[in-house]
Amino acid sequence: MIEEDPPHILYIDESVARQQSAKLKALRARRSNEEVQRRLDALKKAAAQEPRSPANGDISSANTMPHIVDAVRAYATVGEICEALREVFGTYTEVSIT
């Protein structure tokens, strides 16, 4: 019989959630929310375009990655970026076959 220590279970209490909420509130207070909104609007505009390969070999104007990077540099949160993309693409719902 092999003796093993029980696995360590990570428990995160409510104080972590309160700390994260406070950090998020402070971030939103010190960033330029107008700049974040401009970057998110540019992201939504790019996401709404039909991807095309330009004949000259340039990157498609529908490429969202540069806009995501710009939003991050403006201190947009992951949730805000995801919500902007969700507004354009919607939410995937798996169809049940049964």
PDB file of N, CA and C in Angstrom:
ATOM      1  N   MET A   1       0.842  -1.178   0.000  1.00  0.00           N
ATOM      2  CA  MET A   1       0.000   0.000   0.000  1.00  0.00           C
ATOM      3  C   MET A   1       0.889   1.243   0.000  1.00  0.00           C
ATOM      4  N   ILE A   2       0.576   2.187  -0.848  1.00  0.00           N
ATOM      5  CA  ILE A   2       1.366   3.405  -0.962  1.00  0.00           C
ATOM      6  C   ILE A   2       0.711   4.487  -0.111  1.00  0.00           C
ATOM      7  N   GLU A   3       1.508   5.095   0.714  1.00  0.00           N
ATOM      8  CA  GLU A   3       1.029   6.202   1.555  1.00  0.00           C
ATOM      9  C   GLU A   3       1.274   7.519   0.820  1.00  0.00           C
ATOM     10  N   GLU A   4       0.234   8.300   0.655  1.00  0.00           N
ATOM     11  CA  GLU A   4       0.365   9.600   0.006  1.00  0.00           C
ATOM     12  C   GLU A   4      -0.261  10.665   0.881  1.00  0.00           C
ATOM     13  N   ASP A   5       0.346  11.823   0.835  1.00  0.00           N
ATOM     14  CA  ASP A   5      -0.256  12.957   1.521  1.00  0.00           C
ATOM     15  C   ASP A   5      -1.494  13.377   0.743  1.00  0.00           C
ATOM     16  N   PRO A   6      -2.521  13.810   1.434  1.00  0.00           N
ATOM     17  CA  PRO A   6      -3.708  14.286   0.710  1.00  0.00           C
ATOM     18  C   PRO A   6      -3.345  15.543  -0.087  1.00  0.00           C
ATOM     19  N   PRO A   7      -4.009  15.772  -1.184  1.00  0.00           N
ATOM     20  CA  PRO A   7      -3.688  16.957  -1.988  1.00  0.00           C
ATOM     21  C   PRO A   7      -4.030  18.234  -1.223  1.00  0.00           C
ATOM     22  N   HIS A   8      -3.228  19.248  -1.459  1.00  0.00           N
ATOM     23  CA  HIS A   8      -3.487  20.547  -0.847  1.00  0.00           C
ATOM     24  C   HIS A   8      -4.601  21.233  -1.630  1.00  0.00           C
ATOM     25  N   ILE A   9      -5.639  21.603  -0.956  1.00  0.00           N
ATOM     26  CA  ILE A   9      -6.772  22.265  -1.605  1.00  0.00           C
ATOM     27  C   ILE A   9      -6.626  23.760  -1.410  1.00  0.00           C
ATOM     28  N   LEU A  10      -6.607  24.475  -2.510  1.00  0.00           N
ATOM     29  CA  LEU A  10      -6.491  25.925  -2.461  1.00  0.00           C
ATOM     30  C   LEU A  10      -7.854  26.511  -2.148  1.00  0.00           C
ATOM     31  N   TYR A  11      -7.917  27.271  -1.095  1.00  0.00           N
ATOM     32  CA  TYR A  11      -9.164  27.929  -0.718  1.00  0.00           C
ATOM     33  C   TYR A  11      -8.939  29.432  -0.806  1.00  0.00           C
ATOM     34  N   ILE A  12      -9.769  30.098  -1.563  1.00  0.00           N
ATOM     35  CA  ILE A  12      -9.682  31.548  -1.710  1.00  0.00           C
ATOM     36  C   ILE A  12     -10.902  32.146  -1.030  1.00  0.00           C
ATOM     37  N   ASP A  13     -10.649  32.919   0.004  1.00  0.00           N
ATOM     38  CA  ASP A  13     -11.775  33.481   0.750  1.00  0.00           C
ATOM     39  C   ASP A  13     -12.247  34.806   0.142  1.00  0.00           C
ATOM     40  N   GLU A  14     -13.257  35.381   0.731  1.00  0.00           N
ATOM     41  CA  GLU A  14     -13.883  36.596   0.208  1.00  0.00           C
ATOM     42  C   GLU A  14     -12.951  37.804   0.232  1.00  0.00           C
ATOM     43  N   SER A  15     -11.927  37.778   1.076  1.00  0.00           N
ATOM     44  CA  SER A  15     -11.022  38.930   1.132  1.00  0.00           C
ATOM     45  C   SER A  15     -10.302  39.121  -0.202  1.00  0.00           C
ATOM     46  N   VAL A  16     -10.026  38.037  -0.907  1.00  0.00           N
ATOM     47  CA  VAL A  16      -9.374  38.133  -2.220  1.00  0.00           C
ATOM     48  C   VAL A  16     -10.306  38.835  -3.207  1.00  0.00           C
ATOM     49  N   ALA A  17     -11.569  38.489  -3.192  1.00  0.00           N
ATOM     50  CA  ALA A  17     -12.534  39.136  -4.080  1.00  0.00           C
ATOM     51  C   ALA A  17     -12.638  40.626  -3.762  1.00  0.00           C
ATOM     52  N   ARG A  18     -12.641  40.965  -2.488  1.00  0.00           N
ATOM     53  CA  ARG A  18     -12.714  42.378  -2.094  1.00  0.00           C
ATOM     54  C   ARG A  18     -11.458  43.126  -2.539  1.00  0.00           C
ATOM     55  N   GLN A  19     -10.296  42.498  -2.407  1.00  0.00           N
ATOM     56  CA  GLN A  19      -9.046  43.133  -2.833  1.00  0.00           C
ATOM     57  C   GLN A  19      -9.040  43.357  -4.344  1.00  0.00           C
ATOM     58  N   GLN A  20      -9.476  42.359  -5.095  1.00  0.00           N
ATOM     59  CA  GLN A  20      -9.512  42.483  -6.551  1.00  0.00           C
ATOM     60  C   GLN A  20     -10.506  43.558  -6.982  1.00  0.00           C
ATOM     61  N   SER A  21     -11.644  43.627  -6.313  1.00  0.00           N
ATOM     62  CA  SER A  21     -12.631  44.660  -6.640  1.00  0.00           C
ATOM     63  C   SER A  21     -12.075  46.048  -6.367  1.00  0.00           C
ATOM     64  N   ALA A  22     -11.340  46.185  -5.276  1.00  0.00           N
ATOM     65  CA  ALA A  22     -10.739  47.475  -4.942  1.00  0.00           C
ATOM     66  C   ALA A  22      -9.675  47.860  -5.970  1.00  0.00           C
ATOM     67  N   LYS A  23      -8.866  46.887  -6.411  1.00  0.00           N
ATOM     68  CA  LYS A  23      -7.847  47.159  -7.422  1.00  0.00           C
ATOM     69  C   LYS A  23      -8.492  47.574  -8.744  1.00  0.00           C
ATOM     70  N   LEU A  24      -9.589  46.916  -9.112  1.00  0.00           N
ATOM     71  CA  LEU A  24     -10.289  47.245 -10.352  1.00  0.00           C
ATOM     72  C   LEU A  24     -10.890  48.644 -10.273  1.00  0.00           C
ATOM     73  N   LYS A  25     -11.467  48.981  -9.136  1.00  0.00           N
ATOM     74  CA  LYS A  25     -12.050  50.311  -8.949  1.00  0.00           C
ATOM     75  C   LYS A  25     -10.967  51.383  -9.052  1.00  0.00           C
ATOM     76  N   ALA A  26      -9.799  51.136  -8.444  1.00  0.00           N
ATOM     77  CA  ALA A  26      -8.694  52.089  -8.505  1.00  0.00           C
ATOM     78  C   ALA A  26      -8.183  52.234  -9.940  1.00  0.00           C
ATOM     79  N   LEU A  27      -8.092  51.130 -10.662  1.00  0.00           N
ATOM     80  CA  LEU A  27      -7.657  51.174 -12.062  1.00  0.00           C
ATOM     81  C   LEU A  27      -8.599  52.036 -12.886  1.00  0.00           C
ATOM     82  N   ARG A  28      -9.880  51.818 -12.727  1.00  0.00           N
ATOM     83  CA  ARG A  28     -10.859  52.572 -13.511  1.00  0.00           C
ATOM     84  C   ARG A  28     -10.860  54.051 -13.139  1.00  0.00           C
ATOM     85  N   ALA A  29     -10.469  54.365 -11.914  1.00  0.00           N
ATOM     86  CA  ALA A  29     -10.425  55.763 -11.479  1.00  0.00           C
ATOM     87  C   ALA A  29      -9.218  56.490 -12.064  1.00  0.00           C
ATOM     88  N   ARG A  30      -8.102  55.785 -12.271  1.00  0.00           N
ATOM     89  CA  ARG A  30      -6.887  56.467 -12.722  1.00  0.00           C
ATOM     90  C   ARG A  30      -6.661  56.413 -14.237  1.00  0.00           C
ATOM     91  N   ARG A  31      -7.377  55.562 -14.954  1.00  0.00           N
ATOM     92  CA  ARG A  31      -7.192  55.491 -16.398  1.00  0.00           C
ATOM     93  C   ARG A  31      -8.094  56.508 -17.085  1.00  0.00           C
ATOM     94  N   SER A  32      -7.852  56.717 -18.362  1.00  0.00           N
ATOM     95  CA  SER A  32      -8.725  57.573 -19.153  1.00  0.00           C
ATOM     96  C   SER A  32      -9.854  56.704 -19.705  1.00  0.00           C
ATOM     97  N   ASN A  33     -11.016  56.808 -19.086  1.00  0.00           N
ATOM     98  CA  ASN A  33     -12.138  55.982 -19.520  1.00  0.00           C
ATOM     99  C   ASN A  33     -12.607  56.354 -20.926  1.00  0.00           C
ATOM    100  N   GLU A  34     -12.404  57.620 -21.315  1.00  0.00           N
ATOM    101  CA  GLU A  34     -12.759  58.031 -22.671  1.00  0.00           C
ATOM    102  C   GLU A  34     -11.846  57.338 -23.680  1.00  0.00           C
ATOM    103  N   GLU A  35     -10.562  57.252 -23.342  1.00  0.00           N
ATOM    104  CA  GLU A  35      -9.617  56.567 -24.234  1.00  0.00           C
ATOM    105  C   GLU A  35      -9.952  55.082 -24.334  1.00  0.00           C
ATOM    106  N   VAL A  36     -10.289  54.471 -23.217  1.00  0.00           N
ATOM    107  CA  VAL A  36     -10.675  53.057 -23.226  1.00  0.00           C
ATOM    108  C   VAL A  36     -11.885  52.864 -24.135  1.00  0.00           C
ATOM    109  N   GLN A  37     -12.873  53.746 -24.019  1.00  0.00           N
ATOM    110  CA  GLN A  37     -14.076  53.615 -24.840  1.00  0.00           C
ATOM    111  C   GLN A  37     -13.757  53.790 -26.317  1.00  0.00           C
ATOM    112  N   ARG A  38     -12.859  54.735 -26.644  1.00  0.00           N
ATOM    113  CA  ARG A  38     -12.459  54.917 -28.045  1.00  0.00           C
ATOM    114  C   ARG A  38     -11.791  53.653 -28.585  1.00  0.00           C
ATOM    115  N   ARG A  39     -10.926  53.052 -27.770  1.00  0.00           N
ATOM    116  CA  ARG A  39     -10.223  51.836 -28.208  1.00  0.00           C
ATOM    117  C   ARG A  39     -11.195  50.665 -28.367  1.00  0.00           C
ATOM    118  N   LEU A  40     -12.155  50.558 -27.462  1.00  0.00           N
ATOM    119  CA  LEU A  40     -13.148  49.486 -27.555  1.00  0.00           C
ATOM    120  C   LEU A  40     -14.056  49.688 -28.770  1.00  0.00           C
ATOM    121  N   ASP A  41     -14.399  50.939 -29.058  1.00  0.00           N
ATOM    122  CA  ASP A  41     -15.213  51.223 -30.251  1.00  0.00           C
ATOM    123  C   ASP A  41     -14.453  50.854 -31.525  1.00  0.00           C
ATOM    124  N   ALA A  42     -13.145  51.143 -31.571  1.00  0.00           N
ATOM    125  CA  ALA A  42     -12.325  50.774 -32.731  1.00  0.00           C
ATOM    126  C   ALA A  42     -12.251  49.255 -32.865  1.00  0.00           C
ATOM    127  N   LEU A  43     -12.164  48.570 -31.736  1.00  0.00           N
ATOM    128  CA  LEU A  43     -12.154  47.103 -31.758  1.00  0.00           C
ATOM    129  C   LEU A  43     -13.463  46.565 -32.316  1.00  0.00           C
ATOM    130  N   LYS A  44     -14.586  47.103 -31.865  1.00  0.00           N
ATOM    131  CA  LYS A  44     -15.891  46.647 -32.365  1.00  0.00           C
ATOM    132  C   LYS A  44     -16.029  46.916 -33.868  1.00  0.00           C
ATOM    133  N   LYS A  45     -15.529  48.063 -34.315  1.00  0.00           N
ATOM    134  CA  LYS A  45     -15.603  48.397 -35.739  1.00  0.00           C
ATOM    135  C   LYS A  45     -14.794  47.403 -36.563  1.00  0.00           C
ATOM    136  N   ALA A  46     -13.592  47.079 -36.100  1.00  0.00           N
ATOM    137  CA  ALA A  46     -12.758  46.107 -36.826  1.00  0.00           C
ATOM    138  C   ALA A  46     -13.396  44.726 -36.810  1.00  0.00           C
ATOM    139  N   ALA A  47     -13.954  44.339 -35.669  1.00  0.00           N
ATOM    140  CA  ALA A  47     -14.561  43.012 -35.548  1.00  0.00           C
ATOM    141  C   ALA A  47     -15.787  42.867 -36.451  1.00  0.00           C
ATOM    142  N   ALA A  48     -16.465  43.965 -36.705  1.00  0.00           N
ATOM    143  CA  ALA A  48     -17.681  43.914 -37.521  1.00  0.00           C
ATOM    144  C   ALA A  48     -17.388  43.834 -39.017  1.00  0.00           C
ATOM    145  N   GLN A  49     -16.137  44.063 -39.412  1.00  0.00           N
ATOM    146  CA  GLN A  49     -15.789  44.034 -40.840  1.00  0.00           C
ATOM    147  C   GLN A  49     -15.649  42.606 -41.340  1.00  0.00           C
ATOM    148  N   GLU A  50     -15.901  42.453 -42.620  1.00  0.00           N
ATOM    149  CA  GLU A  50     -15.711  41.157 -43.275  1.00  0.00           C
ATOM    150  C   GLU A  50     -14.222  40.983 -43.557  1.00  0.00           C
ATOM    151  N   PRO A  51     -13.603  39.899 -43.082  1.00  0.00           N
ATOM    152  CA  PRO A  51     -12.167  39.704 -43.351  1.00  0.00           C
ATOM    153  C   PRO A  51     -11.901  39.521 -44.842  1.00  0.00           C
ATOM    154  N   ARG A  52     -10.917  40.252 -45.345  1.00  0.00           N
ATOM    155  CA  ARG A  52     -10.513  40.134 -46.750  1.00  0.00           C
ATOM    156  C   ARG A  52      -8.995  40.201 -46.809  1.00  0.00           C
ATOM    157  N   SER A  53      -8.432  39.523 -47.753  1.00  0.00           N
ATOM    158  CA  SER A  53      -6.987  39.594 -47.981  1.00  0.00           C
ATOM    159  C   SER A  53      -6.741  40.636 -49.058  1.00  0.00           C
ATOM    160  N   PRO A  54      -6.180  41.784 -48.688  1.00  0.00           N
ATOM    161  CA  PRO A  54      -5.899  42.800 -49.711  1.00  0.00           C
ATOM    162  C   PRO A  54      -4.918  42.268 -50.751  1.00  0.00           C
ATOM    163  N   ALA A  55      -5.093  42.705 -51.971  1.00  0.00           N
ATOM    164  CA  ALA A  55      -4.251  42.233 -53.079  1.00  0.00           C
ATOM    165  C   ALA A  55      -2.787  42.597 -52.876  1.00  0.00           C
ATOM    166  N   ASN A  56      -2.519  43.694 -52.155  1.00  0.00           N
ATOM    167  CA  ASN A  56      -1.132  44.129 -51.974  1.00  0.00           C
ATOM    168  C   ASN A  56      -0.421  43.381 -50.847  1.00  0.00           C
ATOM    169  N   GLY A  57      -1.099  42.425 -50.224  1.00  0.00           N
ATOM    170  CA  GLY A  57      -0.474  41.622 -49.180  1.00  0.00           C
ATOM    171  C   GLY A  57      -0.540  42.227 -47.790  1.00  0.00           C
ATOM    172  N   ASP A  58      -1.167  43.379 -47.645  1.00  0.00           N
ATOM    173  CA  ASP A  58      -1.309  43.990 -46.324  1.00  0.00           C
ATOM    174  C   ASP A  58      -2.228  43.164 -45.437  1.00  0.00           C
ATOM    175  N   ILE A  59      -2.198  43.460 -44.159  1.00  0.00           N
ATOM    176  CA  ILE A  59      -3.081  42.791 -43.200  1.00  0.00           C
ATOM    177  C   ILE A  59      -4.487  43.357 -43.362  1.00  0.00           C
ATOM    178  N   SER A  60      -5.478  42.502 -43.264  1.00  0.00           N
ATOM    179  CA  SER A  60      -6.875  42.908 -43.390  1.00  0.00           C
ATOM    180  C   SER A  60      -7.235  43.937 -42.326  1.00  0.00           C
ATOM    181  N   SER A  61      -8.032  44.917 -42.701  1.00  0.00           N
ATOM    182  CA  SER A  61      -8.489  45.917 -41.728  1.00  0.00           C
ATOM    183  C   SER A  61      -9.440  45.297 -40.711  1.00  0.00           C
ATOM    184  N   ALA A  62      -9.850  44.052 -40.936  1.00  0.00           N
ATOM    185  CA  ALA A  62     -10.705  43.342 -39.991  1.00  0.00           C
ATOM    186  C   ALA A  62      -9.879  42.627 -38.919  1.00  0.00           C
ATOM    187  N   ASN A  63      -8.563  42.761 -38.963  1.00  0.00           N
ATOM    188  CA  ASN A  63      -7.696  42.137 -37.969  1.00  0.00           C
ATOM    189  C   ASN A  63      -7.931  42.817 -36.612  1.00  0.00           C
ATOM    190  N   THR A  64      -8.405  42.074 -35.642  1.00  0.00           N
ATOM    191  CA  THR A  64      -8.742  42.655 -34.340  1.00  0.00           C
ATOM    192  C   THR A  64      -7.554  42.754 -33.389  1.00  0.00           C
ATOM    193  N   MET A  65      -6.496  41.998 -33.628  1.00  0.00           N
ATOM    194  CA  MET A  65      -5.391  41.949 -32.662  1.00  0.00           C
ATOM    195  C   MET A  65      -4.760  43.322 -32.372  1.00  0.00           C
ATOM    196  N   PRO A  66      -4.462  44.142 -33.382  1.00  0.00           N
ATOM    197  CA  PRO A  66      -3.896  45.457 -33.049  1.00  0.00           C
ATOM    198  C   PRO A  66      -4.829  46.288 -32.166  1.00  0.00           C
ATOM    199  N   HIS A  67      -6.129  46.138 -32.369  1.00  0.00           N
ATOM    200  CA  HIS A  67      -7.099  46.888 -31.580  1.00  0.00           C
ATOM    201  C   HIS A  67      -7.199  46.346 -30.159  1.00  0.00           C
ATOM    202  N   ILE A  68      -7.059  45.042 -30.012  1.00  0.00           N
ATOM    203  CA  ILE A  68      -7.038  44.446 -28.679  1.00  0.00           C
ATOM    204  C   ILE A  68      -5.815  44.942 -27.912  1.00  0.00           C
ATOM    205  N   VAL A  69      -4.662  44.965 -28.570  1.00  0.00           N
ATOM    206  CA  VAL A  69      -3.431  45.454 -27.932  1.00  0.00           C
ATOM    207  C   VAL A  69      -3.590  46.929 -27.533  1.00  0.00           C
ATOM    208  N   ASP A  70      -4.164  47.739 -28.416  1.00  0.00           N
ATOM    209  CA  ASP A  70      -4.391  49.150 -28.089  1.00  0.00           C
ATOM    210  C   ASP A  70      -5.319  49.300 -26.887  1.00  0.00           C
ATOM    211  N   ALA A  71      -6.358  48.477 -26.819  1.00  0.00           N
ATOM    212  CA  ALA A  71      -7.285  48.532 -25.683  1.00  0.00           C
ATOM    213  C   ALA A  71      -6.577  48.150 -24.386  1.00  0.00           C
ATOM    214  N   VAL A  72      -5.730  47.139 -24.444  1.00  0.00           N
ATOM    215  CA  VAL A  72      -4.974  46.726 -23.260  1.00  0.00           C
ATOM    216  C   VAL A  72      -4.030  47.841 -22.830  1.00  0.00           C
ATOM    217  N   ARG A  73      -3.374  48.477 -23.777  1.00  0.00           N
ATOM    218  CA  ARG A  73      -2.464  49.584 -23.438  1.00  0.00           C
ATOM    219  C   ARG A  73      -3.206  50.761 -22.808  1.00  0.00           C
ATOM    220  N   ALA A  74      -4.492  50.898 -23.130  1.00  0.00           N
ATOM    221  CA  ALA A  74      -5.313  51.955 -22.526  1.00  0.00           C
ATOM    222  C   ALA A  74      -5.902  51.500 -21.189  1.00  0.00           C
ATOM    223  N   TYR A  75      -5.537  50.292 -20.753  1.00  0.00           N
ATOM    224  CA  TYR A  75      -5.989  49.696 -19.492  1.00  0.00           C
ATOM    225  C   TYR A  75      -7.440  49.239 -19.514  1.00  0.00           C
ATOM    226  N   ALA A  76      -7.918  48.795 -20.674  1.00  0.00           N
ATOM    227  CA  ALA A  76      -9.215  48.130 -20.729  1.00  0.00           C
ATOM    228  C   ALA A  76      -9.052  46.766 -20.060  1.00  0.00           C
ATOM    229  N   THR A  77     -10.083  46.318 -19.389  1.00  0.00           N
ATOM    230  CA  THR A  77     -10.019  45.017 -18.726  1.00  0.00           C
ATOM    231  C   THR A  77     -10.353  43.910 -19.718  1.00  0.00           C
ATOM    232  N   VAL A  78      -9.994  42.690 -19.358  1.00  0.00           N
ATOM    233  CA  VAL A  78     -10.324  41.540 -20.200  1.00  0.00           C
ATOM    234  C   VAL A  78     -11.837  41.444 -20.361  1.00  0.00           C
ATOM    235  N   GLY A  79     -12.571  41.693 -19.293  1.00  0.00           N
ATOM    236  CA  GLY A  79     -14.029  41.652 -19.355  1.00  0.00           C
ATOM    237  C   GLY A  79     -14.595  42.676 -20.315  1.00  0.00           C
ATOM    238  N   GLU A  80     -14.033  43.885 -20.325  1.00  0.00           N
ATOM    239  CA  GLU A  80     -14.502  44.924 -21.240  1.00  0.00           C
ATOM    240  C   GLU A  80     -14.200  44.558 -22.691  1.00  0.00           C
ATOM    241  N   ILE A  81     -13.035  43.988 -22.928  1.00  0.00           N
ATOM    242  CA  ILE A  81     -12.673  43.568 -24.282  1.00  0.00           C
ATOM    243  C   ILE A  81     -13.594  42.436 -24.746  1.00  0.00           C
ATOM    244  N   CYS A  82     -13.828  41.473 -23.864  1.00  0.00           N
ATOM    245  CA  CYS A  82     -14.719  40.355 -24.209  1.00  0.00           C
ATOM    246  C   CYS A  82     -16.133  40.849 -24.477  1.00  0.00           C
ATOM    247  N   GLU A  83     -16.599  41.794 -23.684  1.00  0.00           N
ATOM    248  CA  GLU A  83     -17.953  42.332 -23.884  1.00  0.00           C
ATOM    249  C   GLU A  83     -18.051  43.057 -25.220  1.00  0.00           C
ATOM    250  N   ALA A  84     -17.013  43.798 -25.595  1.00  0.00           N
ATOM    251  CA  ALA A  84     -17.017  44.487 -26.889  1.00  0.00           C
ATOM    252  C   ALA A  84     -17.127  43.470 -28.028  1.00  0.00           C
ATOM    253  N   LEU A  85     -16.372  42.387 -27.938  1.00  0.00           N
ATOM    254  CA  LEU A  85     -16.432  41.348 -28.973  1.00  0.00           C
ATOM    255  C   LEU A  85     -17.764  40.604 -28.934  1.00  0.00           C
ATOM    256  N   ARG A  86     -18.306  40.408 -27.747  1.00  0.00           N
ATOM    257  CA  ARG A  86     -19.602  39.738 -27.599  1.00  0.00           C
ATOM    258  C   ARG A  86     -20.714  40.558 -28.254  1.00  0.00           C
ATOM    259  N   GLU A  87     -20.599  41.890 -28.176  1.00  0.00           N
ATOM    260  CA  GLU A  87     -21.604  42.752 -28.806  1.00  0.00           C
ATOM    261  C   GLU A  87     -21.617  42.564 -30.321  1.00  0.00           C
ATOM    262  N   VAL A  88     -20.453  42.282 -30.900  1.00  0.00           N
ATOM    263  CA  VAL A  88     -20.361  42.097 -32.353  1.00  0.00           C
ATOM    264  C   VAL A  88     -20.703  40.670 -32.758  1.00  0.00           C
ATOM    265  N   PHE A  89     -20.078  39.698 -32.082  1.00  0.00           N
ATOM    266  CA  PHE A  89     -20.198  38.308 -32.502  1.00  0.00           C
ATOM    267  C   PHE A  89     -21.313  37.537 -31.804  1.00  0.00           C
ATOM    268  N   GLY A  90     -21.796  38.029 -30.681  1.00  0.00           N
ATOM    269  CA  GLY A  90     -22.791  37.293 -29.909  1.00  0.00           C
ATOM    270  C   GLY A  90     -22.132  36.225 -29.062  1.00  0.00           C
ATOM    271  N   THR A  91     -22.933  35.380 -28.471  1.00  0.00           N
ATOM    272  CA  THR A  91     -22.447  34.307 -27.607  1.00  0.00           C
ATOM    273  C   THR A  91     -22.786  32.973 -28.245  1.00  0.00           C
ATOM    274  N   TYR A  92     -21.797  32.110 -28.323  1.00  0.00           N
ATOM    275  CA  TYR A  92     -22.017  30.789 -28.901  1.00  0.00           C
ATOM    276  C   TYR A  92     -22.832  29.937 -27.941  1.00  0.00           C
ATOM    277  N   THR A  93     -23.845  29.288 -28.473  1.00  0.00           N
ATOM    278  CA  THR A  93     -24.638  28.354 -27.704  1.00  0.00           C
ATOM    279  C   THR A  93     -24.634  27.030 -28.455  1.00  0.00           C
ATOM    280  N   GLU A  94     -24.156  26.011 -27.794  1.00  0.00           N
ATOM    281  CA  GLU A  94     -24.096  24.704 -28.436  1.00  0.00           C
ATOM    282  C   GLU A  94     -25.512  24.161 -28.621  1.00  0.00           C
ATOM    283  N   VAL A  95     -25.746  23.603 -29.788  1.00  0.00           N
ATOM    284  CA  VAL A  95     -27.047  23.043 -30.106  1.00  0.00           C
ATOM    285  C   VAL A  95     -27.077  21.588 -29.679  1.00  0.00           C
ATOM    286  N   SER A  96     -28.081  21.235 -28.927  1.00  0.00           N
ATOM    287  CA  SER A  96     -28.218  19.857 -28.490  1.00  0.00           C
ATOM    288  C   SER A  96     -28.724  19.001 -29.644  1.00  0.00           C
ATOM    289  N   ILE A  97     -28.115  17.857 -29.830  1.00  0.00           N
ATOM    290  CA  ILE A  97     -28.490  16.954 -30.914  1.00  0.00           C
ATOM    291  C   ILE A  97     -29.581  15.999 -30.467  1.00  0.00           C
ATOM    292  N   THR A  98     -29.738  15.807 -29.183  1.00  0.00           N
ATOM    293  CA  THR A  98     -30.699  14.814 -28.701  1.00  0.00           C
ATOM    294  C   THR A  98     -32.124  15.275 -28.817  1.00  0.00           C
TER     295      THR A  98
END
